[in-house]
Amino acid sequence: MATHTVAKGDLGAHAITLAANTVETTTFSEDLDEITIVSLDGAAALYITVDGRTPTVGGASTRVMPAAIGAITLEVPTAGNSVVKVISSGTPTISIQRGR
């Protein structure tokens, strides 16, 4: 499991290349309302949680972003530090950043 911490006031963690079938956890040291995940190369689908659950590839309790260059913005339903977890069956490059 790979991890990143984003300090309070910083914008995000960028140019993260996922390891296939390994959860990437990014913790923002503040309570955010939204986060945005950007797929920089569209190499594989992303499975995402922002509610403390651990995502799985194709899991029923995850949000999915298809294999495409683009972005998805999600509301963070939890209080305290905002934690984003992402997994993929491939090795796409992503950025995880505050939504606003």
Protein backbone atom coordinates (compact mmCIF):
# COMPACT_ATOMS: atom_id res chain seq x y z
CA MET A 1 0.00 0.00 0.00
CA ALA A 2 1.41 3.36 -1.06
CA THR A 3 0.64 6.50 0.92
CA HIS A 4 0.87 10.26 0.50
CA THR A 5 0.10 13.04 2.95
CA VAL A 6 -0.97 16.48 1.78
CA ALA A 7 -0.27 19.24 4.31
CA LYS A 8 -2.99 21.69 5.31
CA GLY A 9 -3.30 24.35 2.62
CA ASP A 10 -1.44 22.37 -0.06
CA LEU A 11 -3.34 21.50 -3.24
CA GLY A 12 -2.69 17.79 -3.72
CA ALA A 13 -0.44 14.88 -4.58
CA HIS A 14 0.49 14.76 -8.25
CA ALA A 15 2.00 12.39 -10.83
CA ILE A 16 1.29 9.26 -8.76
CA THR A 17 1.78 6.07 -10.76
CA LEU A 18 -0.37 3.34 -9.26
CA ALA A 19 0.94 -0.18 -8.75
CA ALA A 20 -1.51 -2.72 -10.15
CA ASN A 21 -3.97 -4.11 -7.58
CA THR A 22 -2.43 -2.03 -4.76
CA VAL A 23 -4.38 0.56 -2.76
CA GLU A 24 -3.00 4.10 -2.94
CA THR A 25 -3.98 6.15 0.12
CA THR A 26 -3.76 9.95 0.14
CA THR A 27 -4.56 11.81 3.35
CA PHE A 28 -5.30 15.52 3.39
CA SER A 29 -4.42 17.05 6.77
CA GLU A 30 -7.73 18.90 6.90
CA ASP A 31 -11.47 18.36 6.45
CA LEU A 32 -12.32 18.89 2.76
CA ASP A 33 -15.78 19.03 1.20
CA GLU A 34 -14.64 17.69 -2.18
CA ILE A 35 -11.68 16.00 -3.81
CA THR A 36 -10.82 15.70 -7.48
CA ILE A 37 -8.99 12.77 -9.01
CA VAL A 38 -7.37 13.35 -12.39
CA SER A 39 -6.39 10.47 -14.65
CA LEU A 40 -3.38 11.86 -16.50
CA ASP A 41 -2.98 9.04 -19.03
CA GLY A 42 -6.23 7.05 -18.98
CA ALA A 43 -4.27 3.80 -18.85
CA ALA A 44 -6.77 1.89 -16.66
CA ALA A 45 -10.02 2.32 -14.73
CA LEU A 46 -9.82 3.72 -11.20
CA TYR A 47 -11.85 2.47 -8.22
CA ILE A 48 -12.16 5.08 -5.47
CA THR A 49 -13.41 5.51 -1.92
CA VAL A 50 -13.56 8.66 0.22
CA ASP A 51 -15.55 7.23 3.15
CA GLY A 52 -12.91 5.17 4.95
CA ARG A 53 -13.63 1.91 3.12
CA THR A 54 -10.90 0.02 1.31
CA PRO A 55 -11.59 -0.11 -2.42
CA THR A 56 -11.33 -3.21 -4.56
CA VAL A 57 -11.12 -3.48 -8.33
CA GLY A 58 -14.73 -3.71 -9.49
CA GLY A 59 -15.98 -3.49 -5.89
CA ALA A 60 -19.63 -2.66 -5.18
CA SER A 61 -18.72 -0.05 -2.55
CA THR A 62 -16.43 1.97 -4.81
CA ARG A 63 -16.81 4.83 -7.27
CA VAL A 64 -15.39 4.09 -10.70
CA MET A 65 -13.67 6.29 -13.23
CA PRO A 66 -13.33 4.59 -16.63
CA ALA A 67 -10.01 4.20 -18.41
CA ALA A 68 -9.88 7.67 -19.98
CA ILE A 69 -8.02 10.92 -19.56
CA GLY A 70 -10.25 13.08 -17.39
CA ALA A 71 -11.30 13.97 -13.87
CA ILE A 72 -13.92 13.07 -11.28
CA THR A 73 -14.92 15.24 -8.31
CA LEU A 74 -16.41 13.54 -5.26
CA GLU A 75 -17.96 14.87 -2.05
CA VAL A 76 -16.15 13.71 1.09
CA PRO A 77 -18.80 12.51 3.59
CA THR A 78 -16.49 12.18 6.60
CA ALA A 79 -15.19 14.69 9.15
CA GLY A 80 -11.58 15.19 10.17
CA ASN A 81 -8.68 14.48 7.83
CA SER A 82 -9.93 13.62 4.33
CA VAL A 83 -8.72 10.22 3.14
CA VAL A 84 -8.85 9.12 -0.50
CA LYS A 85 -8.14 5.51 -1.48
CA VAL A 86 -7.66 4.43 -5.09
CA ILE A 87 -6.95 1.06 -6.70
CA SER A 88 -6.62 -0.07 -10.31
CA SER A 89 -5.89 -3.28 -12.15
CA GLY A 90 -3.32 -1.36 -14.20
CA THR A 91 -0.65 1.28 -13.64
CA PRO A 92 -2.25 4.63 -14.54
CA THR A 93 -0.77 7.96 -13.48
CA ILE A 94 -3.10 10.15 -11.42
CA SER A 95 -3.28 13.32 -9.36
CA ILE A 96 -5.41 13.68 -6.23
CA GLN A 97 -6.28 17.23 -5.27
CA ARG A 98 -8.69 19.36 -3.29
CA GLY A 99 -11.94 19.94 -5.18
CA ARG A 100 -12.28 23.64 -4.36
